Protein backbone atom coordinates (compact mmCIF):
# COMPACT_ATOMS: atom_id res chain seq x y z
CA MET A 1 41.95 17.47 -30.56
CA VAL A 2 45.46 17.52 -29.10
CA LEU A 3 46.79 16.37 -32.46
CA LEU A 4 44.91 19.19 -34.23
CA GLN A 5 46.23 21.83 -31.81
CA THR A 6 49.82 20.59 -32.27
CA VAL A 7 49.61 20.64 -36.07
CA ILE A 8 48.13 24.14 -36.19
CA LYS A 9 50.67 25.42 -33.69
CA LYS A 10 53.59 24.03 -35.72
CA ALA A 11 52.08 25.46 -38.91
CA PHE A 12 51.89 28.97 -37.53
CA ILE A 13 55.41 28.77 -36.08
CA GLU A 14 56.61 27.65 -39.49
CA MET A 15 54.74 30.54 -41.08
CA ARG A 16 56.48 33.08 -38.88
CA ASN A 17 59.93 31.59 -39.52
CA ILE A 18 59.66 31.45 -43.35
CA LYS A 19 60.89 34.65 -44.98
CA VAL A 20 59.25 35.06 -48.34
CA GLN A 21 58.12 38.06 -50.22
CA ASN A 22 54.63 36.85 -50.98
CA ASP A 23 53.19 36.57 -47.43
CA ILE A 24 49.65 35.94 -48.74
CA VAL A 25 50.69 32.73 -50.54
CA VAL A 26 52.34 31.39 -47.40
CA ARG A 27 49.27 32.09 -45.26
CA MET A 28 46.98 30.35 -47.77
CA SER A 29 49.24 27.30 -47.72
CA VAL A 30 49.06 27.08 -43.96
CA VAL A 31 45.27 27.40 -43.97
CA ARG A 32 45.03 24.59 -46.56
CA SER A 33 47.18 22.39 -44.30
CA ALA A 34 44.91 23.03 -41.33
CA ILE A 35 41.79 22.22 -43.40
CA LEU A 36 43.32 18.95 -44.53
CA VAL A 37 44.02 18.02 -40.91
CA LEU A 38 40.43 18.83 -39.91
CA ALA A 39 39.05 16.78 -42.78
CA GLY A 40 41.20 13.87 -41.74
CA LEU A 41 40.12 13.79 -38.10
CA PRO A 42 36.94 11.73 -38.62
CA LEU A 43 38.96 9.19 -40.56
CA ILE A 44 41.50 9.02 -37.73
CA ILE A 45 38.71 8.52 -35.18
CA MET A 46 37.07 5.83 -37.32
CA LEU A 47 40.39 4.05 -37.75
CA GLY A 48 40.88 4.22 -33.99
CA VAL A 49 37.50 2.63 -33.40
CA PHE A 50 38.07 -0.14 -35.93
CA MET A 51 41.51 -0.78 -34.53
CA LEU A 52 39.99 -1.70 -31.14
CA PRO A 53 40.25 -5.39 -30.25
CA ARG A 54 37.89 -7.41 -32.46
CA ASN A 55 36.57 -9.33 -29.48
CA MET A 56 35.39 -6.16 -27.66
CA ASP A 57 31.71 -6.66 -28.70
CA THR A 58 31.90 -10.31 -27.81
CA ALA A 59 33.39 -9.52 -24.40
CA LEU A 60 30.64 -6.93 -23.72
CA ALA A 61 27.91 -9.39 -24.76
CA GLN A 62 29.44 -12.08 -22.60
CA SER A 63 29.55 -9.68 -19.63
CA MET A 64 25.87 -8.79 -20.05
CA ASP A 65 24.97 -12.42 -20.48
CA THR A 66 26.86 -13.29 -17.29
CA THR A 67 24.97 -10.58 -15.35
CA GLU A 68 21.61 -11.87 -16.59
CA LYS A 69 22.59 -15.44 -15.75
CA ASN A 70 23.62 -14.34 -12.25
CA THR A 71 20.27 -12.60 -11.76
CA VAL A 72 18.33 -15.63 -12.99
CA SER A 73 20.50 -17.88 -10.83
CA GLN A 74 19.78 -15.76 -7.73
CA GLU A 75 16.03 -15.82 -8.47
CA ARG A 76 16.08 -19.60 -8.84
CA LEU A 77 18.01 -19.97 -5.61
CA ARG A 78 15.44 -17.77 -3.87
CA GLU A 79 12.57 -19.84 -5.32
CA GLN A 80 14.25 -23.03 -4.20
CA GLU A 81 14.76 -21.56 -0.74
CA ILE A 82 11.07 -20.61 -0.48
CA LEU A 83 10.05 -24.06 -1.72
CA ALA A 84 12.28 -25.71 0.87
CA GLN A 85 10.78 -23.52 3.61
CA TYR A 86 7.25 -24.39 2.54
CA GLN A 87 7.99 -28.11 2.37
CA GLU A 88 9.52 -28.01 5.85
CA TYR A 89 6.49 -26.10 7.16
CA CYS A 90 4.03 -28.50 5.49
CA HIS A 91 5.86 -31.48 7.00
CA ARG A 92 5.34 -30.04 10.50
CA PHE A 93 1.75 -29.05 9.73
CA GLU A 94 0.81 -32.51 8.45
CA ALA A 95 2.50 -34.18 11.45
CA VAL A 96 -0.06 -32.72 13.86
CA GLU A 97 -2.62 -35.44 14.62
CA GLN A 98 -3.08 -35.00 18.38
CA ARG A 99 -3.29 -31.92 20.56
CA ALA A 100 0.09 -32.81 22.09
CA ASP A 101 1.63 -32.68 18.58
CA ILE A 102 0.85 -28.97 18.17
CA ALA A 103 3.62 -27.62 20.40
CA GLU A 104 6.03 -30.39 19.40
CA ASN A 105 5.85 -29.24 15.79
CA GLY A 106 6.50 -25.58 16.50
CA PHE A 107 2.99 -24.17 16.79
CA ALA A 108 1.98 -22.01 19.78
CA VAL A 109 -1.70 -22.20 20.77
CA VAL A 110 -3.41 -18.95 21.78
CA GLU A 111 -4.91 -20.29 25.00
CA THR A 112 -7.18 -17.28 25.57
CA GLN A 113 -8.90 -17.80 22.21
CA ILE A 114 -9.91 -21.47 22.54
CA PHE A 115 -13.66 -21.87 21.99
CA PRO A 116 -16.09 -24.80 21.63
CA ILE A 117 -17.72 -24.95 18.21
CA ALA A 118 -20.70 -26.93 16.94
CA ILE A 119 -19.56 -29.32 14.21
CA ALA A 120 -22.06 -31.40 12.25
CA GLY A 121 -21.89 -35.04 13.30
CA TYR A 122 -20.38 -34.33 16.72
CA ALA A 123 -22.05 -33.82 20.08
CA GLU A 124 -22.43 -30.30 21.44
CA ASP A 125 -19.21 -28.97 23.00
CA ALA A 126 -17.37 -32.11 21.81
CA VAL A 127 -15.07 -30.09 19.53
CA SER A 128 -12.98 -27.03 20.31
CA MET A 129 -11.23 -24.67 17.95
CA LEU A 130 -7.60 -23.99 18.87
CA PRO A 131 -6.01 -21.07 17.00
CA ALA A 132 -2.20 -21.28 16.86
CA PHE A 133 0.75 -19.49 15.27
CA ASP A 134 3.76 -21.10 13.66
CA GLN A 135 6.69 -19.75 15.66
CA LYS A 136 9.07 -19.91 12.71
CA TYR A 137 7.07 -18.33 9.90
CA ASN A 138 4.28 -16.45 11.74
CA ARG A 139 1.59 -18.41 9.90
CA MET A 140 -1.78 -18.93 11.56
CA VAL A 141 -3.45 -22.35 11.82
CA LEU A 142 -6.85 -23.38 13.16
CA PHE A 143 -6.91 -26.82 14.79
CA PHE A 144 -10.25 -28.48 15.56
CA VAL A 145 -9.77 -30.92 18.41
CA GLU A 146 -12.27 -33.30 20.00
CA SER A 147 -12.33 -33.98 23.73
CA SER A 148 -10.08 -37.04 23.38
CA GLY A 149 -7.32 -34.80 21.99
CA ARG A 150 -7.57 -36.02 18.41
CA VAL A 151 -7.30 -33.35 15.72
CA ILE A 152 -10.29 -33.96 13.46
CA TYR A 153 -9.62 -31.04 11.11
CA LYS A 154 -7.02 -28.32 10.59
CA THR A 155 -6.57 -25.49 8.12
CA ASP A 156 -4.07 -22.77 7.32
CA GLN A 157 -5.97 -21.52 4.28
CA LEU A 158 -6.56 -18.09 5.78
CA GLU A 159 -6.41 -14.60 4.32
CA THR A 160 -3.94 -13.51 6.97
CA ASN A 161 -1.43 -16.07 5.64
CA HIS A 162 -1.41 -14.27 2.29
CA CYS A 163 -0.45 -10.78 3.45
CA ILE A 164 2.98 -11.15 1.82
CA ARG A 165 2.37 -12.91 -1.46
CA GLY A 166 4.90 -15.49 -2.59
CA GLN A 167 6.49 -15.81 0.85
CA VAL A 168 6.20 -18.48 3.51
CA LYS A 169 6.98 -16.11 6.34
CA GLN A 170 4.19 -13.68 7.15
CA PRO A 171 3.94 -10.50 9.27
CA LYS A 172 3.87 -10.59 13.02
CA MET A 173 0.23 -11.08 13.96
CA GLU A 174 -2.17 -11.56 16.81
CA ILE A 175 -5.86 -12.31 17.05
CA ALA A 176 -8.07 -9.23 17.19
CA ALA A 177 -11.44 -10.99 17.16
CA ILE A 178 -13.11 -14.35 16.63
CA GLY A 179 -16.84 -14.72 16.10
CA PHE A 180 -19.23 -17.57 15.38
CA GLN A 181 -22.30 -16.93 13.24
CA ASP A 182 -24.44 -18.80 10.73
CA LEU A 183 -23.45 -16.48 7.91
CA ASP A 184 -24.85 -18.39 4.93
CA LEU A 185 -28.04 -19.40 6.78
CA ASP A 186 -27.54 -23.13 6.25
CA GLY A 187 -28.03 -23.98 9.93
CA GLN A 188 -24.31 -24.52 10.63
CA MET A 189 -21.90 -22.35 12.55
CA ASP A 190 -19.37 -20.36 10.50
CA ILE A 191 -16.30 -18.49 11.68
CA VAL A 192 -15.42 -14.78 11.51
CA LEU A 193 -11.72 -14.13 12.06
CA ILE A 194 -9.82 -10.84 12.38
CA THR A 195 -6.07 -10.61 12.92
CA LEU A 196 -3.92 -7.60 13.75
CA CYS A 197 -0.76 -7.62 11.62
CA GLU A 198 2.51 -5.67 11.57
CA ASN A 199 5.07 -5.87 8.77
CA GLU A 200 8.76 -5.91 9.61
CA SER A 201 9.74 -4.08 6.40
CA GLY A 202 8.27 -2.33 3.39
CA ALA A 203 5.71 0.48 3.08
CA LEU A 204 3.67 -0.79 6.04
CA ALA A 205 6.64 -1.39 8.34
CA ASP A 206 5.83 -0.76 12.01
CA LYS A 207 2.18 -0.03 11.17
CA THR A 208 -0.58 -2.29 12.44
CA TYR A 209 -3.48 -3.20 10.20
CA LYS A 210 -6.43 -5.59 10.38
CA VAL A 211 -7.11 -8.55 8.12
CA GLY A 212 -10.62 -10.00 8.11
CA ASP A 213 -11.71 -13.44 6.95
CA VAL A 214 -14.70 -15.77 6.90
CA LEU A 215 -14.74 -19.58 6.99
CA PHE A 216 -17.96 -21.33 6.02
CA GLN A 217 -18.67 -24.77 7.47
CA ASP A 218 -18.98 -27.32 4.69
CA HIS A 219 -22.31 -29.14 4.97
CA ASN A 220 -21.20 -31.90 2.57
CA ARG A 221 -18.11 -33.01 4.46
CA LEU A 222 -16.12 -32.35 7.62
CA GLY A 223 -14.30 -29.05 7.38
CA PHE A 224 -14.51 -25.41 6.35
CA TYR A 225 -13.98 -23.47 3.15
CA ARG A 226 -13.41 -19.82 2.34
CA ASP A 227 -14.29 -17.59 -0.58
CA TYR A 228 -11.32 -15.36 -1.42
CA ARG A 229 -13.63 -12.90 -3.22
CA ILE A 230 -15.49 -12.21 0.02
CA ALA A 231 -12.25 -11.79 1.95
CA ASP A 232 -10.97 -9.42 -0.74
CA LYS A 233 -13.99 -7.13 -0.42
CA ILE A 234 -13.92 -7.26 3.37
CA ASN A 235 -10.35 -5.95 3.43
CA ARG A 236 -10.34 -3.74 0.35
CA PHE A 237 -13.41 -1.74 1.39
CA GLY A 238 -12.62 -1.41 5.10
CA MET A 239 -15.17 -3.87 6.46
CA ASN A 240 -12.60 -5.67 8.63
CA LYS A 241 -12.91 -3.53 11.75
CA SER A 242 -15.11 -5.91 13.76
CA ALA A 243 -16.90 -9.24 13.60
CA LYS A 244 -20.21 -7.36 13.70
CA LEU A 245 -19.24 -5.33 10.62
CA ILE A 246 -18.19 -8.45 8.70
CA THR A 247 -21.47 -10.14 9.67
CA ALA A 248 -23.44 -7.13 8.40
CA PHE A 249 -21.73 -7.53 5.04
CA VAL A 250 -21.69 -11.32 4.59
CA ARG A 251 -25.00 -12.26 6.20
CA ASP A 252 -27.14 -9.13 5.93
CA GLY A 253 -25.91 -7.77 2.59
CA TYR A 254 -24.79 -4.30 3.67
CA SER A 255 -21.62 -3.03 2.04
CA THR A 256 -19.33 0.00 1.85
CA GLU A 257 -18.21 -0.87 -1.68
CA PHE A 258 -20.39 1.78 -3.33
CA LEU A 259 -18.54 4.50 -1.37
CA TYR A 260 -15.45 3.74 -3.46
CA THR A 261 -17.01 2.80 -6.80
CA ALA A 262 -19.91 5.27 -7.27
CA ALA A 263 -19.65 7.61 -10.25
CA THR A 264 -22.21 10.25 -9.25
CA LEU A 265 -23.51 12.02 -6.16
CA GLU A 266 -26.97 10.71 -6.98
CA GLU A 267 -25.67 7.11 -6.79
CA LEU A 268 -24.15 7.80 -3.39
CA GLN A 269 -27.38 9.21 -2.02
CA GLN A 270 -29.43 6.35 -3.46
CA ASN A 271 -27.26 4.02 -1.37
CA ASN A 272 -27.93 6.06 1.80
CA LEU A 273 -24.86 8.27 2.04
CA GLN A 274 -25.81 11.00 4.52
CA VAL A 275 -24.44 14.35 3.31
CA ILE A 276 -23.24 16.73 6.04
CA GLU A 277 -25.09 19.73 4.63
CA GLU A 278 -23.53 22.45 6.85
CA GLN A 279 -20.07 21.67 5.43
CA CYS A 280 -21.23 21.23 1.82
CA TYR A 281 -20.32 24.07 -0.58
CA PHE A 282 -18.84 24.97 -3.98
CA ARG A 283 -15.25 26.12 -4.47
CA THR A 284 -13.09 26.82 -7.54
CA PHE A 285 -10.02 24.59 -7.66
CA GLY A 286 -7.77 25.96 -10.42
CA LYS A 287 -7.77 23.75 -13.51
CA LEU A 288 -10.10 21.29 -11.78
CA GLY A 289 -12.81 23.96 -12.08
CA ARG A 290 -15.76 24.69 -9.86
CA LEU A 291 -16.44 21.71 -7.61
CA GLN A 292 -18.81 20.96 -4.78
CA VAL A 293 -17.19 19.75 -1.56
CA VAL A 294 -19.48 16.98 -0.28
CA PRO A 295 -18.66 15.37 3.09
CA GLY A 296 -20.82 12.42 4.01
CA THR A 297 -21.21 9.39 6.25
CA TYR A 298 -22.55 5.88 5.79
CA HIS A 299 -23.82 3.85 8.75
CA ILE A 300 -23.16 0.10 8.79
CA ALA A 301 -23.46 -2.10 11.90
CA ASP A 302 -22.26 0.17 14.74
CA TYR A 303 -19.95 2.21 12.52
CA ASP A 304 -20.08 5.48 10.61
CA VAL A 305 -17.74 5.65 7.63
CA PHE A 306 -16.66 9.17 6.63
CA LEU A 307 -15.53 10.32 3.17
CA ILE A 308 -15.34 13.59 1.26
CA TYR A 309 -16.24 13.84 -2.42
CA LEU A 310 -15.49 16.55 -4.97
CA VAL A 311 -18.39 16.71 -7.40
CA ASN A 312 -18.60 18.78 -10.60
CA GLU A 313 -21.61 20.84 -11.62
CA ASP A 314 -23.02 17.91 -13.60
CA GLY A 315 -23.10 15.73 -10.49
CA TYR A 316 -20.16 13.49 -11.39
CA ILE A 317 -17.54 12.60 -8.79
CA VAL A 318 -14.16 14.04 -9.76
CA SER A 319 -12.24 12.87 -6.71
CA SER A 320 -12.76 11.35 -3.27
CA ILE A 321 -10.82 11.73 -0.03
CA GLN A 322 -10.66 9.26 2.85
CA PRO A 323 -9.53 11.13 5.99
CA MET A 324 -10.51 8.32 8.41
CA GLU A 325 -7.37 6.33 7.54
CA ASP A 326 -6.98 3.55 10.16
CA TYR A 327 -9.55 4.83 12.66
CA ASP A 328 -12.48 2.54 13.38
CA ASN A 329 -15.31 5.04 13.49
CA PHE A 330 -16.23 8.62 12.61
CA TYR A 331 -17.31 10.71 15.59
CA ALA A 332 -17.72 14.36 14.56
CA LEU A 333 -16.63 16.83 11.85
CA ASN A 334 -15.02 20.01 13.21
CA GLY A 335 -14.53 21.63 9.84
CA ILE A 336 -13.23 21.63 6.27
CA THR A 337 -11.36 24.57 4.79
CA CYS A 338 -10.06 25.11 1.26
CA LYS A 339 -6.99 27.39 1.31
CA ASP A 340 -3.54 27.52 -0.21
CA ILE A 341 -1.26 25.72 2.27
CA ASP A 342 2.01 25.11 0.40
CA GLY A 343 2.18 28.51 -1.34
CA ASP A 344 1.73 27.34 -4.95
CA GLY A 345 -1.34 29.52 -5.52
CA LEU A 346 -3.79 26.58 -5.61
CA LYS A 347 -6.49 25.83 -3.06
CA ASP A 348 -5.61 22.87 -0.85
CA MET A 349 -7.91 21.16 1.63
CA VAL A 350 -7.63 20.77 5.42
CA VAL A 351 -9.99 18.44 7.33
CA LEU A 352 -10.32 18.47 11.13
CA ALA A 353 -12.49 15.80 12.75
CA LYS A 354 -12.89 13.47 15.71
CA TYR A 355 -12.63 9.70 15.34
CA SER A 356 -12.97 6.76 17.69
CA TYR A 357 -11.06 3.51 17.96
CA ASP A 358 -10.59 0.57 20.29
CA GLY A 359 -8.12 1.73 22.91
CA GLY A 360 -7.68 -1.75 24.37
CA GLY A 361 -9.66 -3.69 26.92
CA GLY A 362 -12.87 -2.87 25.09
CA GLN A 363 -12.49 0.85 25.85
CA LEU A 364 -13.61 3.30 23.17
CA THR A 365 -11.13 6.15 22.67
CA VAL A 366 -12.04 9.41 20.90
CA LYS A 367 -9.28 11.44 19.26
CA SER A 368 -9.04 14.64 17.22
CA ASP A 369 -7.00 14.50 14.04
CA TYR A 370 -6.43 16.51 10.88
CA ASN A 371 -5.51 15.79 7.28
CA ILE A 372 -4.05 18.05 4.62
CA TYR A 373 -4.55 17.42 0.90
CA TYR A 374 -2.52 19.37 -1.66
CA GLN A 375 -4.04 20.23 -5.00
CA ARG A 376 -2.00 18.68 -7.79
CA THR A 377 -2.54 18.13 -11.50
CA GLY A 378 -5.67 16.03 -11.85
CA GLY A 379 -6.45 15.62 -8.14
CA PHE A 380 -5.26 15.88 -4.55
CA SER A 381 -2.25 14.39 -2.77
CA ALA A 382 -2.30 13.62 0.97
CA ASP A 383 0.34 15.22 3.20
CA THR A 384 2.87 12.78 4.64
CA GLU A 385 5.25 15.16 6.44
CA ILE A 386 3.54 17.86 8.50
CA LYS A 387 1.58 15.52 10.80
CA ALA A 388 4.81 13.80 11.83
CA GLN A 389 6.17 17.16 12.99
CA TYR A 390 2.92 18.68 14.28
CA PRO A 391 0.68 15.94 15.73
CA CYS A 392 -2.87 17.03 16.48
CA SER A 393 -3.87 17.93 20.03
CA GLU A 394 -7.35 18.35 21.48
CA GLU A 395 -6.74 22.11 21.74
CA ASP A 396 -5.96 22.58 18.04
CA THR A 397 -8.41 24.53 15.92
CA MET A 398 -8.60 24.85 12.15
CA GLU A 399 -6.86 28.24 12.40
CA THR A 400 -3.89 26.90 14.40
CA ILE A 401 -3.48 23.94 12.05
CA VAL A 402 -3.47 26.17 8.95
CA THR A 403 -0.94 28.50 10.59
CA LYS A 404 1.38 25.62 11.57
CA ALA A 405 1.13 24.08 8.11
CA ARG A 406 1.99 27.33 6.36
CA GLU A 407 4.89 27.93 8.74
CA TYR A 408 6.17 24.49 7.78
CA TRP A 409 6.23 25.65 4.16
CA GLY A 410 7.86 28.94 5.19
CA TRP A 411 5.13 31.48 4.57
CA LYS A 412 2.00 33.04 6.01
CA ILE A 413 -0.85 35.24 4.90
CA GLU A 414 -3.16 37.57 6.76
CA ASN A 415 -6.94 37.66 6.44
CA ASP A 416 -7.45 35.03 3.71
């Protein structure tokens, strides 16, 4: 472009300096010169490209290839590091043959959770289960030790050791509950295990969560086995809150799975969902149409599980909401309101309820809490910001929560 500007500029200067009688002929000549320059620009650009060093493409390909090789090399190094960690851990794990070997190989026994357990082929109270944690990688191990101190069986094949897939090191954890029940009704004692875990990084960083597991005593040989499919359902469908809840699922056949997989309101009610009728009503939710808000509870063991469903006029579930989050038990529903909270003209949903949880030392704690769900295309999105700024107090009402939430978004409305 600089070349073009220079040529045109010189052409017009030349035009003004030439003194001829036929000014029209001169102007046409200058215009033709400018056109020729314009026509030649693509050729100049192409020549410039082709005049670049011939090895430019090769150099670029080599650079990309080097980057990929570096990435692959780093991944392999990481895999080798994980393999080395696991081999080192396994060496210490396999070295434990006596109770005295446990601490010597880096495992810390949880002394308050040592229990006698009936093992086929051994006298009553002859074997104790010693839960321990690897101090280096936070992995949990169950050692079964007879009175002489000999370790007769040990296992680390536990669901809690698979919280972070593909890693040897696991989250910080502690034992929340241990129970002994004959879960498969074969006459032998099985184990219910619940751990309380906390990730050091990632989406669940600094948040505690429970991991439930079941170990069945093998009646064909000494030892225990676990079914990962059972552990998956226990944790995926929130049945990991207590040993009693896990027992109700594994031994007695009760399950919360239908609460998350049902397609219709009729299916929910056939499986004993109790609808809270006084808070059940129809509302119009923009493009989602006219939907029935259906709050309900399901009782299993000593727990009430609380969910809210949005059901269309044909009885099909359009969406479901789980306001209980990490609470153990539903206590009471204060109210549900459907109002525009974020000022986009669409009805959002606010839920205010009371929940209970284990406050420590076996004490049941009841707490009020609220949840806000914003209407979005195709469903609802849970609020992740307002609760951090305005935590719920026991004095809060639905009106004060709606007011605070709208103030957060910078607007308010009277008499809606």
